[in-house]
């Protein structure tokens, strides 16, 4: 699976990119036919709390799955996105089985 990380208006650290890669690869245990993944990170109003936004788009054989969350840290936002995507992947896998 190909993982692309885009950081809008800042440079993401290697540690953050490794964390994202590790979390995304864990999604393969829920659905192993994920083709690619795009992660977009951005900081909304810098002076506000909960200003780190993460959006993840997974490309699967017959469509796309998407999750976007905002939190105090990018790691927390990525965790929340992965949790939402796990649920979506389980539903998607169930739908493909019944067809």
Protein backbone atom coordinates (compact mmCIF):
# COMPACT_ATOMS: atom_id res chain seq x y z
CA UNK A 1 0.00 0.00 0.00
CA UNK A 2 1.25 3.44 -0.95
CA UNK A 3 1.04 6.16 1.74
CA UNK A 4 1.35 9.85 0.79
CA UNK A 5 1.63 12.45 3.56
CA UNK A 6 0.95 16.09 2.74
CA UNK A 7 1.65 18.78 5.31
CA UNK A 8 -0.01 22.09 4.42
CA UNK A 9 2.10 25.18 5.25
CA UNK A 10 4.62 23.28 7.43
CA UNK A 11 7.10 20.43 7.23
CA UNK A 12 6.10 17.21 9.00
CA UNK A 13 8.82 15.62 11.10
CA UNK A 14 10.19 12.19 10.27
CA UNK A 15 8.85 10.96 13.63
CA UNK A 16 5.31 12.09 12.73
CA UNK A 17 5.54 10.49 9.29
CA UNK A 18 6.71 7.20 10.84
CA UNK A 19 3.82 7.31 13.32
CA UNK A 20 1.34 7.85 10.47
CA UNK A 21 2.87 5.02 8.42
CA UNK A 22 2.64 2.64 11.38
CA UNK A 23 -1.02 3.51 12.09
CA UNK A 24 -2.06 3.24 8.44
CA UNK A 25 -0.40 -0.15 7.92
CA UNK A 26 -2.40 -1.50 10.88
CA UNK A 27 -5.57 -0.86 8.83
CA UNK A 28 -4.51 -3.75 6.55
CA UNK A 29 -5.65 -6.22 9.21
CA UNK A 30 -9.25 -5.05 8.70
CA UNK A 31 -9.18 -5.03 4.88
CA UNK A 32 -6.12 -6.20 2.96
CA UNK A 33 -7.02 -4.79 -0.46
CA UNK A 34 -6.30 -1.13 0.33
CA UNK A 35 -4.62 0.34 -2.75
CA UNK A 36 -3.34 3.68 -1.49
CA UNK A 37 -3.67 6.21 1.28
CA UNK A 38 -3.46 10.02 1.29
CA UNK A 39 -2.97 11.88 4.55
CA UNK A 40 -3.40 15.67 4.71
CA UNK A 41 -2.21 17.51 7.80
CA UNK A 42 -2.90 21.18 8.48
CA UNK A 43 -2.87 23.62 11.34
CA UNK A 44 -5.97 25.70 11.63
CA UNK A 45 -5.92 28.99 13.58
CA UNK A 46 -2.58 28.62 15.44
CA UNK A 47 -3.76 30.39 18.59
CA UNK A 48 -6.79 28.13 19.12
CA UNK A 49 -6.90 24.85 21.00
CA UNK A 50 -7.74 21.72 19.03
CA UNK A 51 -6.21 23.24 15.91
CA UNK A 52 -4.48 20.21 14.37
CA UNK A 53 -6.50 18.74 11.51
CA UNK A 54 -5.85 15.35 9.91
CA UNK A 55 -7.71 13.95 6.91
CA UNK A 56 -7.16 10.41 5.60
CA UNK A 57 -8.47 9.11 2.27
CA UNK A 58 -8.15 5.39 1.57
CA UNK A 59 -8.53 4.07 -1.97
CA UNK A 60 -10.07 0.60 -2.10
CA UNK A 61 -10.93 -1.48 -5.19
CA UNK A 62 -14.46 -0.16 -5.67
CA UNK A 63 -14.29 3.31 -4.13
CA UNK A 64 -12.84 5.53 -1.43
CA UNK A 65 -13.16 5.86 2.33
CA UNK A 66 -12.56 9.16 4.11
CA UNK A 67 -12.15 10.41 7.68
CA UNK A 68 -11.27 13.87 8.99
CA UNK A 69 -10.68 14.80 12.62
CA UNK A 70 -9.41 17.79 14.59
CA UNK A 71 -7.56 17.47 17.91
CA UNK A 72 -4.85 19.03 20.10
CA UNK A 73 -2.07 16.99 18.45
CA UNK A 74 -1.61 15.38 15.06
CA UNK A 75 -1.09 12.00 16.71
CA UNK A 76 -4.45 12.23 18.47
CA UNK A 77 -6.18 13.31 15.25
CA UNK A 78 -4.57 10.41 13.33
CA UNK A 79 -5.68 7.96 16.05
CA UNK A 80 -9.26 9.20 15.79
CA UNK A 81 -9.21 9.01 11.99
CA UNK A 82 -7.88 5.46 12.07
CA UNK A 83 -10.62 4.46 14.52
CA UNK A 84 -13.27 5.86 12.20
CA UNK A 85 -11.67 4.17 9.19
CA UNK A 86 -11.57 0.81 11.01
CA UNK A 87 -15.36 0.96 11.37
CA UNK A 88 -15.78 1.99 7.74
CA UNK A 89 -13.49 -0.82 6.55
CA UNK A 90 -15.41 -3.44 8.56
CA UNK A 91 -18.71 -2.23 7.07
CA UNK A 92 -17.18 -2.13 3.59
CA UNK A 93 -15.77 -5.65 3.96
CA UNK A 94 -19.16 -6.93 5.18
CA UNK A 95 -20.89 -5.37 2.15
CA UNK A 96 -18.43 -6.92 -0.28
CA UNK A 97 -18.91 -10.35 1.30
CA UNK A 98 -22.69 -10.27 0.88
CA UNK A 99 -22.46 -9.44 -2.83
